[in-house]
All heavy atoms as atom14 arrays in JSON, in Angstrom:
{
  "sequence": "GAQGAAAKMLGAVRDPDETFGLAIRAYAPTPRHAERHLEACLSLRDEH",
  "atom14_mask": [
    [1, 1, 1, 1, 0, 0, 0, 0, 0, 0, 0, 0, 0, 0],
    [1, 1, 1, 1, 1, 0, 0, 0, 0, 0, 0, 0, 0, 0],
    [1, 1, 1, 1, 1, 1, 1, 1, 1, 0, 0, 0, 0, 0],
    [1, 1, 1, 1, 0, 0, 0, 0, 0, 0, 0, 0, 0, 0],
    [1, 1, 1, 1, 1, 0, 0, 0, 0, 0, 0, 0, 0, 0],
    [1, 1, 1, 1, 1, 0, 0, 0, 0, 0, 0, 0, 0, 0],
    [1, 1, 1, 1, 1, 0, 0, 0, 0, 0, 0, 0, 0, 0],
    [1, 1, 1, 1, 1, 1, 1, 1, 1, 0, 0, 0, 0, 0],
    [1, 1, 1, 1, 1, 1, 1, 1, 0, 0, 0, 0, 0, 0],
    [1, 1, 1, 1, 1, 1, 1, 1, 0, 0, 0, 0, 0, 0],
    [1, 1, 1, 1, 0, 0, 0, 0, 0, 0, 0, 0, 0, 0],
    [1, 1, 1, 1, 1, 0, 0, 0, 0, 0, 0, 0, 0, 0],
    [1, 1, 1, 1, 1, 1, 1, 0, 0, 0, 0, 0, 0, 0],
    [1, 1, 1, 1, 1, 1, 1, 1, 1, 1, 1, 0, 0, 0],
    [1, 1, 1, 1, 1, 1, 1, 1, 0, 0, 0, 0, 0, 0],
    [1, 1, 1, 1, 1, 1, 1, 0, 0, 0, 0, 0, 0, 0],
    [1, 1, 1, 1, 1, 1, 1, 1, 0, 0, 0, 0, 0, 0],
    [1, 1, 1, 1, 1, 1, 1, 1, 1, 0, 0, 0, 0, 0],
    [1, 1, 1, 1, 1, 1, 1, 0, 0, 0, 0, 0, 0, 0],
    [1, 1, 1, 1, 1, 1, 1, 1, 1, 1, 1, 0, 0, 0],
    [1, 1, 1, 1, 0, 0, 0, 0, 0, 0, 0, 0, 0, 0],
    [1, 1, 1, 1, 1, 1, 1, 1, 0, 0, 0, 0, 0, 0],
    [1, 1, 1, 1, 1, 0, 0, 0, 0, 0, 0, 0, 0, 0],
    [1, 1, 1, 1, 1, 1, 1, 1, 0, 0, 0, 0, 0, 0],
    [1, 1, 1, 1, 1, 1, 1, 1, 1, 1, 1, 0, 0, 0],
    [1, 1, 1, 1, 1, 0, 0, 0, 0, 0, 0, 0, 0, 0],
    [1, 1, 1, 1, 1, 1, 1, 1, 1, 1, 1, 1, 0, 0],
    [1, 1, 1, 1, 1, 0, 0, 0, 0, 0, 0, 0, 0, 0],
    [1, 1, 1, 1, 1, 1, 1, 0, 0, 0, 0, 0, 0, 0],
    [1, 1, 1, 1, 1, 1, 1, 0, 0, 0, 0, 0, 0, 0],
    [1, 1, 1, 1, 1, 1, 1, 0, 0, 0, 0, 0, 0, 0],
    [1, 1, 1, 1, 1, 1, 1, 1, 1, 1, 1, 0, 0, 0],
    [1, 1, 1, 1, 1, 1, 1, 1, 1, 1, 0, 0, 0, 0],
    [1, 1, 1, 1, 1, 0, 0, 0, 0, 0, 0, 0, 0, 0],
    [1, 1, 1, 1, 1, 1, 1, 1, 1, 0, 0, 0, 0, 0],
    [1, 1, 1, 1, 1, 1, 1, 1, 1, 1, 1, 0, 0, 0],
    [1, 1, 1, 1, 1, 1, 1, 1, 1, 1, 0, 0, 0, 0],
    [1, 1, 1, 1, 1, 1, 1, 1, 0, 0, 0, 0, 0, 0],
    [1, 1, 1, 1, 1, 1, 1, 1, 1, 0, 0, 0, 0, 0],
    [1, 1, 1, 1, 1, 0, 0, 0, 0, 0, 0, 0, 0, 0],
    [1, 1, 1, 1, 1, 1, 0, 0, 0, 0, 0, 0, 0, 0],
    [1, 1, 1, 1, 1, 1, 1, 1, 0, 0, 0, 0, 0, 0],
    [1, 1, 1, 1, 1, 1, 0, 0, 0, 0, 0, 0, 0, 0],
    [1, 1, 1, 1, 1, 1, 1, 1, 0, 0, 0, 0, 0, 0],
    [1, 1, 1, 1, 1, 1, 1, 1, 1, 1, 1, 0, 0, 0],
    [1, 1, 1, 1, 1, 1, 1, 1, 0, 0, 0, 0, 0, 0],
    [1, 1, 1, 1, 1, 1, 1, 1, 1, 0, 0, 0, 0, 0],
    [1, 1, 1, 1, 1, 1, 1, 1, 1, 1, 0, 0, 0, 0]
  ],
  "atom14_positions": [
    [[-4.25, 135.27, 97.6], [-3.1, 134.55, 98.08], [-1.87, 135.41, 97.72], [-1.57, 136.47, 98.31], [0.0, 0.0, 0.0], [0.0, 0.0, 0.0], [0.0, 0.0, 0.0], [0.0, 0.0, 0.0], [0.0, 0.0, 0.0], [0.0, 0.0, 0.0], [0.0, 0.0, 0.0], [0.0, 0.0, 0.0], [0.0, 0.0, 0.0], [0.0, 0.0, 0.0]],
    [[-1.13, 134.93, 96.67], [0.1, 135.63, 96.2], [-0.45, 137.1, 95.71], [-1.48, 137.14, 95.13], [0.69, 134.98, 95.02], [0.0, 0.0, 0.0], [0.0, 0.0, 0.0], [0.0, 0.0, 0.0], [0.0, 0.0, 0.0], [0.0, 0.0, 0.0], [0.0, 0.0, 0.0], [0.0, 0.0, 0.0], [0.0, 0.0, 0.0], [0.0, 0.0, 0.0]],
    [[0.34, 138.06, 95.99], [-0.06, 139.37, 95.75], [0.16, 139.76, 94.24], [1.29, 140.18, 93.93], [0.6, 140.38, 96.64], [0.06, 140.02, 98.18], [1.11, 140.54, 99.23], [2.23, 140.81, 98.95], [0.61, 140.83, 100.46], [0.0, 0.0, 0.0], [0.0, 0.0, 0.0], [0.0, 0.0, 0.0], [0.0, 0.0, 0.0], [0.0, 0.0, 0.0]],
    [[-0.87, 139.53, 93.34], [-0.68, 139.84, 91.99], [-1.26, 141.04, 91.43], [-1.22, 142.05, 92.2], [0.0, 0.0, 0.0], [0.0, 0.0, 0.0], [0.0, 0.0, 0.0], [0.0, 0.0, 0.0], [0.0, 0.0, 0.0], [0.0, 0.0, 0.0], [0.0, 0.0, 0.0], [0.0, 0.0, 0.0], [0.0, 0.0, 0.0], [0.0, 0.0, 0.0]],
    [[-1.75, 140.98, 90.27], [-2.25, 142.19, 89.5], [-3.31, 143.0, 90.38], [-3.23, 144.13, 90.5], [-2.76, 141.93, 88.1], [0.0, 0.0, 0.0], [0.0, 0.0, 0.0], [0.0, 0.0, 0.0], [0.0, 0.0, 0.0], [0.0, 0.0, 0.0], [0.0, 0.0, 0.0], [0.0, 0.0, 0.0], [0.0, 0.0, 0.0], [0.0, 0.0, 0.0]],
    [[-4.31, 142.33, 90.82], [-5.37, 142.92, 91.51], [-4.89, 143.57, 92.77], [-5.3, 144.8, 93.11], [-6.44, 141.95, 92.0], [0.0, 0.0, 0.0], [0.0, 0.0, 0.0], [0.0, 0.0, 0.0], [0.0, 0.0, 0.0], [0.0, 0.0, 0.0], [0.0, 0.0, 0.0], [0.0, 0.0, 0.0], [0.0, 0.0, 0.0], [0.0, 0.0, 0.0]],
    [[-3.95, 142.92, 93.54], [-3.44, 143.56, 94.71], [-2.61, 144.79, 94.46], [-2.56, 145.86, 95.05], [-2.51, 142.53, 95.47], [0.0, 0.0, 0.0], [0.0, 0.0, 0.0], [0.0, 0.0, 0.0], [0.0, 0.0, 0.0], [0.0, 0.0, 0.0], [0.0, 0.0, 0.0], [0.0, 0.0, 0.0], [0.0, 0.0, 0.0], [0.0, 0.0, 0.0]],
    [[-1.84, 144.81, 93.38], [-1.02, 145.92, 92.88], [-1.95, 147.13, 92.63], [-1.52, 148.28, 92.96], [-0.19, 145.59, 91.73], [0.99, 144.59, 92.12], [1.82, 144.22, 90.91], [2.91, 143.18, 91.24], [3.64, 142.77, 90.12], [0.0, 0.0, 0.0], [0.0, 0.0, 0.0], [0.0, 0.0, 0.0], [0.0, 0.0, 0.0], [0.0, 0.0, 0.0]],
    [[-3.01, 146.86, 92.01], [-3.91, 147.95, 91.61], [-4.41, 148.74, 92.87], [-4.64, 149.9, 92.88], [-5.15, 147.46, 90.91], [-4.78, 147.03, 89.46], [-6.35, 146.4, 88.64], [-7.37, 147.88, 88.62], [0.0, 0.0, 0.0], [0.0, 0.0, 0.0], [0.0, 0.0, 0.0], [0.0, 0.0, 0.0], [0.0, 0.0, 0.0], [0.0, 0.0, 0.0]],
    [[-4.56, 147.89, 93.99], [-5.12, 148.53, 95.27], [-3.95, 148.89, 96.25], [-4.35, 149.48, 97.34], [-6.1, 147.55, 95.83], [-7.26, 147.25, 94.94], [-8.15, 146.1, 95.64], [-8.05, 148.42, 94.66], [0.0, 0.0, 0.0], [0.0, 0.0, 0.0], [0.0, 0.0, 0.0], [0.0, 0.0, 0.0], [0.0, 0.0, 0.0], [0.0, 0.0, 0.0]],
    [[-2.78, 148.63, 95.96], [-1.69, 148.91, 96.89], [-1.58, 147.9, 98.01], [-0.86, 148.14, 99.01], [0.0, 0.0, 0.0], [0.0, 0.0, 0.0], [0.0, 0.0, 0.0], [0.0, 0.0, 0.0], [0.0, 0.0, 0.0], [0.0, 0.0, 0.0], [0.0, 0.0, 0.0], [0.0, 0.0, 0.0], [0.0, 0.0, 0.0], [0.0, 0.0, 0.0]],
    [[-2.12, 146.71, 97.84], [-2.14, 145.66, 98.81], [-0.94, 144.81, 98.56], [-1.1, 143.6, 98.32], [-3.43, 144.88, 98.88], [0.0, 0.0, 0.0], [0.0, 0.0, 0.0], [0.0, 0.0, 0.0], [0.0, 0.0, 0.0], [0.0, 0.0, 0.0], [0.0, 0.0, 0.0], [0.0, 0.0, 0.0], [0.0, 0.0, 0.0], [0.0, 0.0, 0.0]],
    [[0.24, 145.27, 98.66], [1.43, 144.66, 98.37], [2.36, 144.47, 99.58], [2.16, 145.15, 100.63], [2.16, 145.4, 97.21], [1.38, 145.43, 95.97], [2.57, 146.82, 97.72], [0.0, 0.0, 0.0], [0.0, 0.0, 0.0], [0.0, 0.0, 0.0], [0.0, 0.0, 0.0], [0.0, 0.0, 0.0], [0.0, 0.0, 0.0], [0.0, 0.0, 0.0]],
    [[3.27, 143.6, 99.41], [4.34, 143.34, 100.55], [5.14, 144.58, 100.82], [5.5, 145.24, 99.88], [5.15, 142.09, 100.11], [6.11, 141.75, 101.26], [7.0, 140.62, 100.75], [7.99, 140.98, 99.81], [9.17, 141.51, 100.06], [9.49, 141.75, 101.21], [9.94, 141.92, 99.0], [0.0, 0.0, 0.0], [0.0, 0.0, 0.0], [0.0, 0.0, 0.0]],
    [[5.35, 144.74, 102.14], [6.33, 145.87, 102.61], [7.67, 145.31, 102.2], [8.14, 144.34, 102.76], [6.09, 146.02, 104.04], [6.89, 147.14, 104.55], [7.98, 147.55, 103.9], [6.61, 147.78, 105.54], [0.0, 0.0, 0.0], [0.0, 0.0, 0.0], [0.0, 0.0, 0.0], [0.0, 0.0, 0.0], [0.0, 0.0, 0.0], [0.0, 0.0, 0.0]],
    [[8.44, 146.13, 101.38], [9.76, 145.52, 101.05], [10.68, 145.44, 102.06], [11.73, 144.8, 102.01], [10.25, 146.49, 99.84], [9.35, 147.77, 100.16], [8.05, 147.26, 100.66], [0.0, 0.0, 0.0], [0.0, 0.0, 0.0], [0.0, 0.0, 0.0], [0.0, 0.0, 0.0], [0.0, 0.0, 0.0], [0.0, 0.0, 0.0], [0.0, 0.0, 0.0]],
    [[10.46, 146.2, 103.26], [11.39, 146.1, 104.35], [11.12, 145.07, 105.33], [11.79, 144.88, 106.34], [11.29, 147.48, 105.09], [11.83, 148.66, 104.19], [12.84, 148.46, 103.44], [11.34, 149.79, 104.32], [0.0, 0.0, 0.0], [0.0, 0.0, 0.0], [0.0, 0.0, 0.0], [0.0, 0.0, 0.0], [0.0, 0.0, 0.0], [0.0, 0.0, 0.0]],
    [[10.02, 144.28, 105.06], [9.67, 143.23, 105.97], [10.06, 141.83, 105.5], [10.4, 141.63, 104.32], [8.12, 143.27, 106.21], [7.63, 144.48, 107.05], [8.12, 144.49, 108.4], [8.79, 143.48, 108.91], [7.87, 145.55, 109.15], [0.0, 0.0, 0.0], [0.0, 0.0, 0.0], [0.0, 0.0, 0.0], [0.0, 0.0, 0.0], [0.0, 0.0, 0.0]],
    [[10.0, 140.91, 106.36], [10.37, 139.53, 106.06], [9.39, 138.84, 105.16], [8.19, 139.23, 105.11], [10.38, 138.72, 107.43], [11.22, 139.33, 108.38], [10.78, 137.34, 107.13], [0.0, 0.0, 0.0], [0.0, 0.0, 0.0], [0.0, 0.0, 0.0], [0.0, 0.0, 0.0], [0.0, 0.0, 0.0], [0.0, 0.0, 0.0], [0.0, 0.0, 0.0]],
    [[9.86, 137.96, 104.32], [9.0, 137.11, 103.62], [9.71, 135.67, 103.6], [10.8, 135.55, 104.08], [8.71, 137.47, 102.17], [9.83, 137.46, 101.2], [10.08, 136.46, 100.39], [10.77, 138.64, 101.09], [11.21, 136.4, 99.56], [11.92, 138.63, 100.32], [12.08, 137.56, 99.44], [0.0, 0.0, 0.0], [0.0, 0.0, 0.0], [0.0, 0.0, 0.0]],
    [[8.86, 134.72, 103.12], [9.46, 133.3, 103.13], [9.4, 132.71, 101.79], [8.61, 133.06, 100.9], [0.0, 0.0, 0.0], [0.0, 0.0, 0.0], [0.0, 0.0, 0.0], [0.0, 0.0, 0.0], [0.0, 0.0, 0.0], [0.0, 0.0, 0.0], [0.0, 0.0, 0.0], [0.0, 0.0, 0.0], [0.0, 0.0, 0.0], [0.0, 0.0, 0.0]],
    [[10.2, 131.6, 101.55], [10.12, 130.78, 100.45], [10.04, 129.36, 101.0], [10.55, 128.91, 101.98], [11.45, 130.99, 99.58], [11.53, 132.21, 98.8], [12.83, 132.21, 97.98], [10.3, 132.46, 97.84], [0.0, 0.0, 0.0], [0.0, 0.0, 0.0], [0.0, 0.0, 0.0], [0.0, 0.0, 0.0], [0.0, 0.0, 0.0], [0.0, 0.0, 0.0]],
    [[9.28, 128.5, 100.32], [9.09, 127.15, 100.69], [9.0, 126.24, 99.54], [8.7, 126.75, 98.4], [7.88, 127.02, 101.55], [0.0, 0.0, 0.0], [0.0, 0.0, 0.0], [0.0, 0.0, 0.0], [0.0, 0.0, 0.0], [0.0, 0.0, 0.0], [0.0, 0.0, 0.0], [0.0, 0.0, 0.0], [0.0, 0.0, 0.0], [0.0, 0.0, 0.0]],
    [[9.35, 125.02, 99.74], [9.15, 123.91, 98.58], [8.75, 122.62, 99.32], [9.03, 122.38, 100.36], [10.55, 123.85, 97.9], [10.33, 122.9, 96.62], [11.65, 123.31, 98.79], [11.66, 122.87, 95.73], [0.0, 0.0, 0.0], [0.0, 0.0, 0.0], [0.0, 0.0, 0.0], [0.0, 0.0, 0.0], [0.0, 0.0, 0.0], [0.0, 0.0, 0.0]],
    [[7.88, 121.98, 98.45], [7.32, 120.7, 99.02], [7.25, 119.61, 97.92], [7.14, 119.91, 96.77], [5.97, 120.84, 99.72], [4.87, 121.24, 98.72], [4.04, 119.94, 98.46], [2.87, 120.25, 97.7], [2.71, 120.07, 96.31], [3.71, 119.48, 95.72], [1.56, 120.33, 95.72], [0.0, 0.0, 0.0], [0.0, 0.0, 0.0], [0.0, 0.0, 0.0]],
    [[7.15, 118.4, 98.31], [6.9, 117.28, 97.39], [6.15, 116.23, 98.19], [5.98, 116.33, 99.47], [8.28, 116.68, 96.86], [0.0, 0.0, 0.0], [0.0, 0.0, 0.0], [0.0, 0.0, 0.0], [0.0, 0.0, 0.0], [0.0, 0.0, 0.0], [0.0, 0.0, 0.0], [0.0, 0.0, 0.0], [0.0, 0.0, 0.0], [0.0, 0.0, 0.0]],
    [[5.64, 115.27, 97.55], [5.01, 114.12, 98.21], [5.88, 112.96, 98.03], [6.46, 112.72, 96.9], [3.54, 113.81, 97.59], [2.62, 115.0, 97.9], [2.29, 115.87, 96.84], [2.03, 115.13, 99.12], [1.35, 116.89, 97.14], [1.15, 116.09, 99.33], [0.76, 117.03, 98.43], [0.04, 117.98, 98.68], [0.0, 0.0, 0.0], [0.0, 0.0, 0.0]],
    [[5.93, 111.93, 98.96], [6.63, 110.73, 98.75], [6.07, 109.66, 99.61], [5.4, 109.94, 100.64], [8.11, 110.98, 99.34], [0.0, 0.0, 0.0], [0.0, 0.0, 0.0], [0.0, 0.0, 0.0], [0.0, 0.0, 0.0], [0.0, 0.0, 0.0], [0.0, 0.0, 0.0], [0.0, 0.0, 0.0], [0.0, 0.0, 0.0], [0.0, 0.0, 0.0]],
    [[6.19, 108.46, 99.19], [5.58, 107.41, 99.9], [6.37, 106.99, 101.15], [7.58, 107.19, 101.24], [5.57, 106.16, 98.81], [6.75, 106.44, 98.01], [6.7, 107.97, 97.89], [0.0, 0.0, 0.0], [0.0, 0.0, 0.0], [0.0, 0.0, 0.0], [0.0, 0.0, 0.0], [0.0, 0.0, 0.0], [0.0, 0.0, 0.0], [0.0, 0.0, 0.0]],
    [[5.68, 106.55, 102.24], [6.34, 106.23, 103.46], [5.44, 105.22, 104.18], [4.19, 105.48, 104.21], [6.65, 107.39, 104.25], [7.21, 106.92, 105.63], [5.37, 108.23, 104.56], [0.0, 0.0, 0.0], [0.0, 0.0, 0.0], [0.0, 0.0, 0.0], [0.0, 0.0, 0.0], [0.0, 0.0, 0.0], [0.0, 0.0, 0.0], [0.0, 0.0, 0.0]],
    [[5.9, 104.22, 104.93], [5.03, 103.37, 105.73], [4.62, 104.0, 107.0], [3.68, 103.53, 107.63], [6.05, 102.26, 106.03], [7.34, 102.71, 105.86], [7.33, 103.74, 104.77], [0.0, 0.0, 0.0], [0.0, 0.0, 0.0], [0.0, 0.0, 0.0], [0.0, 0.0, 0.0], [0.0, 0.0, 0.0], [0.0, 0.0, 0.0], [0.0, 0.0, 0.0]],
    [[5.18, 105.31, 107.2], [4.75, 106.05, 108.44], [3.75, 107.04, 108.1], [3.39, 108.04, 108.89], [5.91, 106.62, 109.02], [6.91, 105.76, 109.54], [8.28, 106.4, 110.15], [7.99, 107.4, 111.09], [8.95, 108.16, 111.73], [10.19, 108.06, 111.34], [8.64, 109.03, 112.62], [0.0, 0.0, 0.0], [0.0, 0.0, 0.0], [0.0, 0.0, 0.0]],
    [[2.92, 106.85, 107.04], [1.98, 107.84, 106.65], [0.84, 108.03, 107.58], [0.1, 109.1, 107.5], [1.38, 107.41, 105.27], [0.53, 106.15, 105.3], [-0.84, 106.22, 105.39], [0.96, 104.86, 105.19], [-1.16, 105.01, 105.48], [-0.19, 104.09, 105.35], [0.0, 0.0, 0.0], [0.0, 0.0, 0.0], [0.0, 0.0, 0.0], [0.0, 0.0, 0.0]],
    [[0.52, 107.06, 108.41], [-0.58, 107.08, 109.3], [-0.19, 107.64, 110.59], [-1.12, 107.84, 111.43], [-1.24, 105.72, 109.49], [0.0, 0.0, 0.0], [0.0, 0.0, 0.0], [0.0, 0.0, 0.0], [0.0, 0.0, 0.0], [0.0, 0.0, 0.0], [0.0, 0.0, 0.0], [0.0, 0.0, 0.0], [0.0, 0.0, 0.0], [0.0, 0.0, 0.0]],
    [[0.99, 108.09, 110.87], [1.39, 108.69, 112.18], [0.44, 109.97, 112.42], [0.06, 110.66, 111.51], [2.83, 109.14, 112.21], [3.77, 107.92, 112.36], [5.11, 108.31, 112.68], [5.4, 109.5, 112.99], [6.01, 107.48, 112.64], [0.0, 0.0, 0.0], [0.0, 0.0, 0.0], [0.0, 0.0, 0.0], [0.0, 0.0, 0.0], [0.0, 0.0, 0.0]],
    [[0.31, 110.25, 113.66], [-0.55, 111.32, 114.05], [0.17, 112.52, 114.72], [-0.4, 113.33, 115.44], [-1.67, 110.82, 115.02], [-2.61, 109.96, 114.3], [-3.98, 109.71, 115.0], [-4.96, 109.13, 114.11], [-6.22, 109.01, 114.54], [-6.66, 109.32, 115.79], [-7.06, 108.42, 113.66], [0.0, 0.0, 0.0], [0.0, 0.0, 0.0], [0.0, 0.0, 0.0]],
    [[1.43, 112.64, 114.42], [2.18, 113.78, 114.82], [2.93, 114.41, 113.59], [3.49, 113.6, 112.82], [3.35, 113.48, 115.89], [2.77, 113.43, 117.27], [1.95, 112.45, 117.69], [3.02, 114.25, 118.33], [1.6, 112.67, 118.98], [2.26, 113.79, 119.41], [0.0, 0.0, 0.0], [0.0, 0.0, 0.0], [0.0, 0.0, 0.0], [0.0, 0.0, 0.0]],
    [[2.78, 115.7, 113.46], [3.66, 116.42, 112.47], [5.11, 116.34, 112.96], [5.27, 116.26, 114.19], [3.2, 117.8, 112.29], [1.65, 118.14, 111.95], [1.61, 119.62, 112.0], [1.37, 117.53, 110.67], [0.0, 0.0, 0.0], [0.0, 0.0, 0.0], [0.0, 0.0, 0.0], [0.0, 0.0, 0.0], [0.0, 0.0, 0.0], [0.0, 0.0, 0.0]],
    [[6.05, 116.48, 112.07], [7.55, 116.39, 112.55], [8.09, 117.75, 111.9], [7.93, 118.06, 110.66], [8.16, 115.27, 112.01], [9.64, 115.29, 112.43], [10.32, 113.92, 112.25], [9.94, 112.96, 112.86], [11.18, 113.84, 111.27], [0.0, 0.0, 0.0], [0.0, 0.0, 0.0], [0.0, 0.0, 0.0], [0.0, 0.0, 0.0], [0.0, 0.0, 0.0]],
    [[8.76, 118.46, 112.77], [9.38, 119.79, 112.33], [10.86, 119.73, 112.74], [11.14, 119.74, 113.93], [8.65, 120.92, 112.83], [0.0, 0.0, 0.0], [0.0, 0.0, 0.0], [0.0, 0.0, 0.0], [0.0, 0.0, 0.0], [0.0, 0.0, 0.0], [0.0, 0.0, 0.0], [0.0, 0.0, 0.0], [0.0, 0.0, 0.0], [0.0, 0.0, 0.0]],
    [[11.69, 119.84, 111.81], [13.14, 119.9, 112.17], [13.62, 121.39, 112.2], [13.63, 122.07, 111.15], [14.01, 119.05, 111.08], [15.89, 119.3, 111.32], [0.0, 0.0, 0.0], [0.0, 0.0, 0.0], [0.0, 0.0, 0.0], [0.0, 0.0, 0.0], [0.0, 0.0, 0.0], [0.0, 0.0, 0.0], [0.0, 0.0, 0.0], [0.0, 0.0, 0.0]],
    [[13.79, 121.9, 113.36], [14.11, 123.23, 113.44], [15.5, 123.63, 113.21], [15.79, 124.87, 112.87], [13.72, 123.74, 114.92], [12.31, 123.51, 115.37], [12.06, 123.94, 116.74], [11.24, 124.03, 114.4], [0.0, 0.0, 0.0], [0.0, 0.0, 0.0], [0.0, 0.0, 0.0], [0.0, 0.0, 0.0], [0.0, 0.0, 0.0], [0.0, 0.0, 0.0]],
    [[16.43, 122.73, 113.23], [17.81, 122.93, 113.03], [18.14, 122.68, 111.55], [18.85, 121.69, 111.24], [18.7, 122.14, 114.0], [18.29, 120.82, 113.96], [0.0, 0.0, 0.0], [0.0, 0.0, 0.0], [0.0, 0.0, 0.0], [0.0, 0.0, 0.0], [0.0, 0.0, 0.0], [0.0, 0.0, 0.0], [0.0, 0.0, 0.0], [0.0, 0.0, 0.0]],
    [[17.57, 123.32, 110.68], [17.8, 123.04, 109.19], [19.1, 123.65, 108.73], [19.42, 124.75, 109.04], [16.61, 123.69, 108.46], [16.45, 123.44, 106.99], [16.18, 121.96, 106.73], [15.33, 124.32, 106.43], [0.0, 0.0, 0.0], [0.0, 0.0, 0.0], [0.0, 0.0, 0.0], [0.0, 0.0, 0.0], [0.0, 0.0, 0.0], [0.0, 0.0, 0.0]],
    [[19.86, 122.88, 107.94], [21.06, 123.32, 107.41], [21.05, 123.11, 105.9], [20.54, 122.26, 105.31], [22.25, 122.51, 107.99], [22.38, 122.81, 109.5], [23.67, 122.09, 110.02], [23.82, 122.33, 111.48], [24.53, 123.29, 112.08], [25.18, 124.15, 111.16], [24.58, 123.5, 113.32], [0.0, 0.0, 0.0], [0.0, 0.0, 0.0], [0.0, 0.0, 0.0]],
    [[21.83, 124.02, 105.22], [22.02, 123.85, 103.79], [23.15, 122.95, 103.44], [23.77, 122.25, 104.27], [22.19, 125.27, 103.09], [23.49, 125.95, 103.48], [24.5, 125.31, 104.05], [23.66, 127.06, 103.23], [0.0, 0.0, 0.0], [0.0, 0.0, 0.0], [0.0, 0.0, 0.0], [0.0, 0.0, 0.0], [0.0, 0.0, 0.0], [0.0, 0.0, 0.0]],
    [[23.5, 122.74, 102.14], [24.49, 121.72, 101.8], [25.91, 122.13, 102.23], [26.85, 121.2, 102.3], [24.41, 121.66, 100.31], [25.11, 122.8, 99.52], [23.95, 123.85, 99.18], [22.92, 123.88, 99.89], [24.27, 124.62, 98.26], [0.0, 0.0, 0.0], [0.0, 0.0, 0.0], [0.0, 0.0, 0.0], [0.0, 0.0, 0.0], [0.0, 0.0, 0.0]],
    [[26.06, 123.43, 102.66], [27.37, 123.8, 103.19], [27.48, 123.78, 104.73], [28.43, 124.06, 105.39], [27.67, 125.27, 102.74], [27.67, 125.56, 101.33], [28.42, 124.92, 100.44], [26.74, 126.3, 100.57], [28.1, 125.21, 99.15], [27.14, 126.07, 99.29], [0.0, 0.0, 0.0], [0.0, 0.0, 0.0], [0.0, 0.0, 0.0], [0.0, 0.0, 0.0]]
  ]
}
């Protein structure tokens, strides 16, 4: 998964000139938990 010590030994590391991503998740209760569609908000904005 994450490119750690074993990957570094073999040169299987991320290209520093290429894109990478960061993500964060949590779990929360909701009455809509049984819905059968994922939801993706593509117009994401920060606090500014």
